[in-house]
């Protein structure tokens, strides 16, 4: 922050800084409203207040889930040139709660840091250990690029000479900031793709040792919508949406965790919750002496699909001959999911698993 203040004070039209805009207000309000329904209040006065609200959550899994939910409204930090941003209020870094900020410590791997180092060098060459407003920031220093003078803090060269040697033109600084942002985003995407590839390789090897198409793990519900359930898996860091019409396969069955065949027969969506009705599908009897009514019931259950209305629970009248489970899910409820690896291209598909396993 001191370096950012120094270069901005000395070269207010040619400083390469980094800013972070506040979160998207509408999305943040929506997330906070959902959390308040579950008894979690988030103070959104500042980034520090949000962080303290998260740290007050005692359950590690819930705390992780809240952190993931609050990522959605956040905007990415970005490099910018002071030449291109007129309002100094837009220089702020929201996450760090700093009026001025820049990258400075890693010139060996970030070109933006190299530009900042050169700008700081020019600042020291011109103003020595003082900025124009006579505010001391650094000890006496003389640039090896320019002739020295006897008086510490006096001008060793002119501003124009320093700019000509070390600082690109203001328009060029804006172009550098744009290119650095593009490379930063590309590096982020490459990192995410690498993590996905590693996860796919791990899940593929793990699935070979199990009698399931993927790895079954615990997930936490983060949002209930009309068409699906948003979730996050703390163990693997996978998040996404399980859509209602894709929870089951074409036969209406989902991944089983106990060897039985389970069907999602119905769901009912209400504000902030969804009710799922499951039935364990009995296998058709192989006993030739089995009654016709038993075989008819088995066939009926095997052919049962989700009701077209999707908003009512139908009593199938099975008279206790098959197991029925009703789940009502809200935010922070735990569900079982099966993470299925896809190798081409490397990605994962998440399916609902039944019944729930408390792992």
Protein backbone atom coordinates (compact mmCIF):
# COMPACT_ATOMS: atom_id res chain seq x y z
CA UNK A 1 0.00 0.00 0.00
CA UNK A 2 2.92 2.35 0.71
CA UNK A 3 4.34 1.71 -2.75
CA UNK A 4 0.93 2.36 -4.32
CA UNK A 5 0.63 5.64 -2.43
CA UNK A 6 4.15 6.67 -3.45
CA UNK A 7 3.84 6.07 -7.19
CA UNK A 8 0.32 7.53 -7.33
CA UNK A 9 1.47 10.69 -5.57
CA UNK A 10 4.51 11.13 -7.82
CA UNK A 11 2.91 10.10 -11.13
CA UNK A 12 -0.86 10.48 -10.71
CA UNK A 13 -1.50 9.90 -14.43
CA UNK A 14 0.80 6.88 -14.95
CA UNK A 15 0.56 4.58 -11.91
CA UNK A 16 -0.30 0.90 -12.37
CA UNK A 17 -2.52 -0.04 -9.43
CA UNK A 18 -4.89 -2.86 -8.52
CA UNK A 19 -8.47 -2.34 -7.43
CA UNK A 20 -11.30 -4.54 -6.22
CA UNK A 21 -14.86 -3.32 -6.69
CA UNK A 22 -17.51 -3.98 -4.02
CA UNK A 23 -19.70 -7.08 -4.42
CA UNK A 24 -22.77 -7.00 -6.62
CA UNK A 25 -25.38 -5.59 -4.26
CA UNK A 26 -28.39 -7.48 -5.60
CA UNK A 27 -26.66 -10.87 -5.45
CA UNK A 28 -25.21 -10.17 -2.01
CA UNK A 29 -28.62 -9.20 -0.65
CA UNK A 30 -30.13 -12.38 -2.09
CA UNK A 31 -27.49 -14.60 -0.47
CA UNK A 32 -27.80 -12.80 2.88
CA UNK A 33 -31.57 -13.17 2.75
CA UNK A 34 -31.24 -16.92 2.20
CA UNK A 35 -28.76 -17.20 5.07
CA UNK A 36 -31.01 -15.20 7.40
CA UNK A 37 -33.79 -17.76 6.87
CA UNK A 38 -31.39 -20.32 8.35
CA UNK A 39 -30.48 -18.14 11.33
CA UNK A 40 -27.16 -16.83 9.98
CA UNK A 41 -26.77 -13.06 9.84
CA UNK A 42 -23.99 -11.56 7.74
CA UNK A 43 -22.76 -8.03 8.41
CA UNK A 44 -22.12 -6.53 4.96
CA UNK A 45 -20.80 -3.13 6.06
CA UNK A 46 -17.29 -4.04 4.88
CA UNK A 47 -15.14 -6.95 3.77
CA UNK A 48 -13.79 -7.19 7.32
CA UNK A 49 -17.32 -7.34 8.74
CA UNK A 50 -18.22 -10.16 6.34
CA UNK A 51 -15.07 -12.05 7.35
CA UNK A 52 -15.87 -11.70 11.04
CA UNK A 53 -19.44 -12.90 10.47
CA UNK A 54 -18.08 -16.02 8.75
CA UNK A 55 -15.57 -16.72 11.52
CA UNK A 56 -18.39 -16.62 14.08
CA UNK A 57 -19.87 -19.79 12.53
CA UNK A 58 -18.72 -22.73 14.66
CA UNK A 59 -19.55 -25.64 12.32
CA UNK A 60 -16.61 -26.01 9.86
CA UNK A 61 -18.79 -27.51 7.11
CA UNK A 62 -21.37 -24.74 7.39
CA UNK A 63 -18.64 -22.11 7.54
CA UNK A 64 -17.11 -23.49 4.33
CA UNK A 65 -20.52 -23.54 2.68
CA UNK A 66 -21.23 -19.92 3.63
CA UNK A 67 -17.85 -18.89 2.23
CA UNK A 68 -18.68 -20.59 -1.07
CA UNK A 69 -22.10 -18.93 -1.18
CA UNK A 70 -20.57 -15.49 -0.63
CA UNK A 71 -18.09 -15.92 -3.48
CA UNK A 72 -20.85 -15.58 -6.06
CA UNK A 73 -21.57 -11.84 -5.47
CA UNK A 74 -17.88 -10.96 -5.34
CA UNK A 75 -16.14 -9.33 -8.29
CA UNK A 76 -12.59 -10.05 -9.38
CA UNK A 77 -9.76 -7.67 -8.59
CA UNK A 78 -8.14 -6.05 -11.63
CA UNK A 79 -5.16 -3.97 -12.66
CA UNK A 80 -5.85 -0.46 -13.89
CA UNK A 81 -4.04 2.71 -14.89
CA UNK A 82 -4.74 5.90 -12.99
CA UNK A 83 -4.79 7.56 -16.41
CA UNK A 84 -7.92 5.56 -17.34
CA UNK A 85 -9.94 5.96 -14.10
CA UNK A 86 -11.05 9.49 -13.31
CA UNK A 87 -12.70 9.03 -9.90
CA UNK A 88 -10.20 8.28 -7.12
CA UNK A 89 -12.97 6.59 -5.14
CA UNK A 90 -12.80 3.84 -7.75
CA UNK A 91 -9.17 3.12 -6.81
CA UNK A 92 -10.19 1.31 -3.61
CA UNK A 93 -9.50 -2.35 -2.95
CA UNK A 94 -12.64 -3.71 -1.30
CA UNK A 95 -11.29 -6.99 0.07
CA UNK A 96 -8.25 -5.35 1.67
CA UNK A 97 -10.19 -2.23 2.70
CA UNK A 98 -7.37 -0.11 1.28
CA UNK A 99 -7.69 3.18 -0.61
CA UNK A 100 -4.66 2.34 -2.77
CA UNK A 101 -3.05 -1.01 -3.54
CA UNK A 102 -0.73 -2.54 -6.10
CA UNK A 103 1.31 -5.69 -6.70
CA UNK A 104 4.98 -5.21 -5.90
CA UNK A 105 6.59 -8.28 -4.31
CA UNK A 106 6.90 -10.73 -7.24
CA UNK A 107 8.63 -9.10 -10.23
CA UNK A 108 10.18 -12.44 -11.22
CA UNK A 109 6.77 -13.86 -12.15
CA UNK A 110 4.43 -10.88 -12.71
CA UNK A 111 5.09 -8.22 -15.32
CA UNK A 112 2.82 -5.79 -13.48
CA UNK A 113 5.30 -5.86 -10.58
CA UNK A 114 8.14 -5.01 -12.98
CA UNK A 115 6.25 -1.92 -14.17
CA UNK A 116 5.58 -0.88 -10.57
CA UNK A 117 9.27 -1.33 -9.68
CA UNK A 118 10.29 0.89 -12.59
CA UNK A 119 7.74 3.53 -11.58
CA UNK A 120 9.03 3.45 -8.02
CA UNK A 121 12.58 3.76 -9.34
CA UNK A 122 11.58 6.85 -11.28
CA UNK A 123 9.88 8.26 -8.20
CA UNK A 124 13.02 7.82 -6.12
CA UNK A 125 15.19 9.27 -8.87
CA UNK A 126 13.11 12.44 -8.99
CA UNK A 127 12.06 12.98 -5.37
CA UNK A 128 14.63 11.00 -3.39
CA UNK A 129 13.14 10.16 0.01
CA UNK A 130 10.24 12.64 -0.25
CA UNK A 131 7.15 12.89 -2.35
CA UNK A 132 5.93 16.19 -3.74
CA UNK A 133 3.82 16.85 -0.62
CA UNK A 134 6.90 16.50 1.65
CA UNK A 135 5.59 13.27 3.15
CA UNK A 136 8.51 10.90 3.90
CA UNK A 137 7.87 7.35 2.82
CA UNK A 138 11.29 5.85 2.27
CA UNK A 139 14.88 6.37 3.51
CA UNK A 140 17.35 8.41 1.40
CA UNK A 141 17.94 6.75 -1.94
CA UNK A 142 19.70 7.65 -5.18
CA UNK A 143 19.00 5.94 -8.48
CA UNK A 144 21.90 4.29 -10.29
CA UNK A 145 20.28 5.38 -13.56
CA UNK A 146 20.75 9.11 -12.92
CA UNK A 147 23.55 11.38 -11.60
CA UNK A 148 23.62 11.85 -7.85
CA UNK A 149 23.51 15.12 -5.95
CA UNK A 150 25.01 15.92 -2.60
CA UNK A 151 21.77 16.87 -0.85
CA UNK A 152 19.65 13.91 0.19
CA UNK A 153 16.06 14.33 -0.93
CA UNK A 154 16.84 16.92 -3.58
CA UNK A 155 15.97 16.29 -7.22
CA UNK A 156 18.53 14.11 -8.98
CA UNK A 157 16.82 14.40 -12.35
CA UNK A 158 13.76 15.93 -13.93
CA UNK A 159 10.35 14.31 -14.07
CA UNK A 160 10.48 14.22 -17.86
CA UNK A 161 13.85 12.45 -17.87
CA UNK A 162 12.62 9.87 -15.37
CA UNK A 163 9.50 9.22 -17.41
CA UNK A 164 11.50 8.88 -20.60
CA UNK A 165 13.83 6.27 -19.11
CA UNK A 166 11.59 4.17 -16.85
CA UNK A 167 7.87 4.87 -17.30
CA UNK A 168 5.77 4.09 -20.38
CA UNK A 169 3.31 6.69 -21.59
CA UNK A 170 0.00 6.85 -19.68
CA UNK A 171 -1.88 5.30 -22.62
CA UNK A 172 0.62 2.44 -22.68
CA UNK A 173 0.13 1.83 -18.94
CA UNK A 174 -3.60 1.34 -19.60
CA UNK A 175 -2.77 -1.20 -22.31
CA UNK A 176 -0.38 -3.03 -19.99
CA UNK A 177 -3.07 -3.20 -17.30
CA UNK A 178 -5.54 -4.68 -19.80
CA UNK A 179 -3.04 -7.30 -20.97
CA UNK A 180 -2.12 -8.22 -17.40
CA UNK A 181 -5.80 -8.75 -16.60
CA UNK A 182 -6.19 -11.03 -19.61
CA UNK A 183 -3.16 -13.09 -18.60
CA UNK A 184 -4.33 -13.22 -14.99
CA UNK A 185 -7.72 -14.58 -16.06
CA UNK A 186 -6.07 -17.10 -18.40
CA UNK A 187 -3.81 -18.30 -15.58
CA UNK A 188 -6.84 -18.69 -13.31
CA UNK A 189 -8.64 -20.80 -15.92
CA UNK A 190 -5.55 -22.94 -16.45
CA UNK A 191 -5.30 -23.50 -12.71
CA UNK A 192 -8.95 -24.56 -12.54
CA UNK A 193 -8.54 -26.90 -15.53
CA UNK A 194 -5.47 -28.47 -13.91
CA UNK A 195 -7.37 -29.02 -10.66
CA UNK A 196 -10.26 -30.61 -12.58
CA UNK A 197 -7.88 -32.94 -14.44
CA UNK A 198 -6.28 -34.07 -11.18
CA UNK A 199 -9.72 -34.60 -9.61
CA UNK A 200 -10.93 -36.63 -12.61
CA UNK A 201 -7.86 -38.87 -12.43
CA UNK A 202 -8.37 -39.38 -8.70
CA UNK A 203 -12.09 -40.14 -9.03
CA UNK A 204 -11.51 -42.51 -11.94
CA UNK A 205 -9.05 -44.55 -9.89
CA UNK A 206 -11.33 -44.50 -6.84
CA UNK A 207 -14.43 -45.53 -8.83
CA UNK A 208 -12.65 -48.67 -10.05
CA UNK A 209 -12.56 -49.92 -6.46
CA UNK A 210 -16.28 -49.31 -5.90
CA UNK A 211 -19.47 -50.77 -7.29
CA UNK A 212 -20.73 -47.34 -8.34
CA UNK A 213 -20.19 -45.18 -11.45
CA UNK A 214 -18.33 -42.61 -9.36
CA UNK A 215 -17.45 -41.62 -5.81
CA UNK A 216 -20.26 -41.10 -3.32
CA UNK A 217 -19.73 -38.27 -0.87
CA UNK A 218 -21.61 -35.78 1.24
CA UNK A 219 -22.87 -32.49 -0.18
CA UNK A 220 -24.52 -29.51 1.45
CA UNK A 221 -27.51 -27.72 -0.07
CA UNK A 222 -26.76 -24.04 -0.74
CA UNK A 223 -29.94 -23.05 -2.59
CA UNK A 224 -33.33 -24.49 -3.49
CA UNK A 225 -34.78 -23.38 -6.80
CA UNK A 226 -37.82 -24.32 -8.84
CA UNK A 227 -35.74 -26.42 -11.22
CA UNK A 228 -32.98 -27.81 -9.03
CA UNK A 229 -30.82 -27.87 -5.94
CA UNK A 230 -27.54 -25.98 -5.68
CA UNK A 231 -24.88 -27.77 -3.64
CA UNK A 232 -21.25 -27.82 -2.58
CA UNK A 233 -19.10 -30.80 -1.58
CA UNK A 234 -16.64 -29.80 1.18
CA UNK A 235 -14.45 -32.87 0.64
CA UNK A 236 -13.80 -32.30 -3.08
CA UNK A 237 -14.62 -28.62 -3.53
CA UNK A 238 -17.13 -29.40 -6.29
CA UNK A 239 -20.21 -27.22 -6.57
CA UNK A 240 -23.06 -26.89 -9.04
CA UNK A 241 -26.74 -27.60 -9.56
CA UNK A 242 -28.58 -30.90 -9.64
CA UNK A 243 -31.58 -30.25 -11.87
CA UNK A 244 -34.87 -31.89 -10.98
CA UNK A 245 -35.43 -33.41 -14.42
CA UNK A 246 -31.91 -34.86 -14.46
CA UNK A 247 -31.72 -36.36 -11.00
CA UNK A 248 -32.68 -39.79 -12.30
CA UNK A 249 -31.87 -41.80 -15.40
CA UNK A 250 -34.38 -42.66 -18.12
CA UNK A 251 -35.81 -45.38 -15.93
CA UNK A 252 -36.35 -42.91 -13.11
CA UNK A 253 -33.61 -44.49 -10.98
CA UNK A 254 -30.76 -42.80 -9.14
CA UNK A 255 -27.40 -43.98 -7.86
CA UNK A 256 -27.98 -46.36 -4.97
CA UNK A 257 -25.85 -46.59 -1.84
CA UNK A 258 -27.34 -49.79 -0.44
CA UNK A 259 -27.74 -52.18 -3.39
CA UNK A 260 -31.43 -51.48 -3.89
CA UNK A 261 -32.97 -49.61 -6.80
CA UNK A 262 -34.37 -46.24 -5.82
CA UNK A 263 -36.72 -44.08 -7.81
CA UNK A 264 -37.48 -40.41 -7.38
CA UNK A 265 -41.23 -40.48 -7.80
CA UNK A 266 -42.26 -36.95 -6.96
CA UNK A 267 -41.10 -33.58 -5.75
CA UNK A 268 -42.87 -30.56 -4.33
CA UNK A 269 -41.17 -27.17 -4.38
CA UNK A 270 -42.03 -24.60 -1.73
CA UNK A 271 -40.30 -21.37 -0.76
CA UNK A 272 -36.80 -22.26 0.52
CA UNK A 273 -37.47 -26.03 0.57
CA UNK A 274 -38.11 -29.01 -1.67
CA UNK A 275 -39.77 -32.30 -0.77
CA UNK A 276 -38.58 -35.48 -2.49
CA UNK A 277 -40.44 -38.78 -2.36
CA UNK A 278 -38.41 -41.93 -2.93
CA UNK A 279 -39.44 -45.54 -3.34
CA UNK A 280 -37.31 -48.63 -3.28
CA UNK A 281 -38.23 -50.63 -6.38
CA UNK A 282 -38.87 -54.30 -5.55
CA UNK A 283 -37.46 -56.76 -8.02
CA UNK A 284 -39.97 -58.85 -9.99
CA UNK A 285 -40.41 -62.18 -8.30
CA UNK A 286 -38.62 -65.13 -9.91
CA UNK A 287 -40.77 -67.54 -7.92
CA UNK A 288 -43.23 -69.14 -10.37
CA UNK A 289 -45.66 -69.50 -7.49
CA UNK A 290 -45.69 -65.75 -6.79
CA UNK A 291 -49.11 -64.24 -7.00
CA UNK A 292 -50.16 -62.18 -10.02
CA UNK A 293 -50.83 -59.19 -7.75
CA UNK A 294 -47.20 -59.20 -6.51
CA UNK A 295 -45.82 -59.24 -10.06
CA UNK A 296 -48.30 -56.56 -11.14
CA UNK A 297 -47.19 -54.31 -8.26
CA UNK A 298 -43.50 -54.81 -9.14
CA UNK A 299 -44.12 -53.96 -12.78
CA UNK A 300 -46.13 -50.88 -11.86
CA UNK A 301 -43.33 -49.56 -9.65
CA UNK A 302 -40.69 -50.27 -12.29
CA UNK A 303 -42.63 -48.26 -14.85
CA UNK A 304 -43.45 -45.37 -12.54
CA UNK A 305 -42.09 -41.96 -13.60
CA UNK A 306 -42.18 -38.50 -12.12
CA UNK A 307 -45.65 -37.03 -12.11
CA UNK A 308 -46.13 -34.44 -14.86
CA UNK A 309 -47.41 -31.82 -12.45
CA UNK A 310 -44.22 -32.09 -10.36
CA UNK A 311 -45.92 -30.18 -7.59
CA UNK A 312 -47.92 -32.79 -5.70
CA UNK A 313 -47.18 -35.94 -3.79
CA UNK A 314 -49.20 -38.92 -4.96
CA UNK A 315 -50.08 -41.82 -2.69
CA UNK A 316 -49.23 -44.93 -4.67
CA UNK A 317 -51.24 -47.17 -2.39
CA UNK A 318 -48.51 -49.82 -2.09
CA UNK A 319 -49.87 -50.96 1.28
CA UNK A 320 -46.44 -51.21 2.87
CA UNK A 321 -45.06 -53.64 0.30
CA UNK A 322 -42.22 -51.27 -0.69
CA UNK A 323 -40.14 -48.80 1.30
CA UNK A 324 -40.97 -45.12 0.92
CA UNK A 325 -38.78 -42.27 2.10
CA UNK A 326 -39.74 -38.58 2.09
CA UNK A 327 -37.02 -35.95 2.21
CA UNK A 328 -37.55 -32.25 2.82
CA UNK A 329 -34.42 -30.30 1.94
CA UNK A 330 -33.50 -26.77 2.94
CA UNK A 331 -30.31 -24.72 2.87
CA UNK A 332 -27.47 -26.44 4.80
CA UNK A 333 -29.19 -29.84 4.75
CA UNK A 334 -26.84 -32.68 3.84
CA UNK A 335 -27.40 -35.01 0.91
CA UNK A 336 -25.51 -37.87 -0.70
CA UNK A 337 -24.21 -37.33 -4.22
CA UNK A 338 -22.22 -39.40 -6.67
CA UNK A 339 -19.42 -37.52 -8.45
CA UNK A 340 -18.91 -39.20 -11.81
CA UNK A 341 -15.65 -38.48 -13.68
CA UNK A 342 -15.75 -37.75 -17.41
CA UNK A 343 -12.45 -38.12 -19.23
CA UNK A 344 -13.13 -36.41 -22.56
CA UNK A 345 -12.99 -33.54 -21.90
CA UNK A 346 -11.96 -33.79 -18.22
CA UNK A 347 -15.02 -32.85 -16.18
CA UNK A 348 -17.34 -34.22 -13.52
CA UNK A 349 -21.06 -34.94 -13.43
CA UNK A 350 -22.88 -34.98 -10.11
CA UNK A 351 -25.91 -37.19 -9.50
CA UNK A 352 -28.10 -37.49 -6.46
CA UNK A 353 -27.55 -40.71 -4.46
CA UNK A 354 -30.05 -42.49 -2.28
CA UNK A 355 -30.44 -43.20 0.58
CA UNK A 356 -28.53 -40.51 2.42
CA UNK A 357 -25.26 -41.55 4.07
CA UNK A 358 -24.02 -39.55 7.03
CA UNK A 359 -20.29 -39.56 6.31
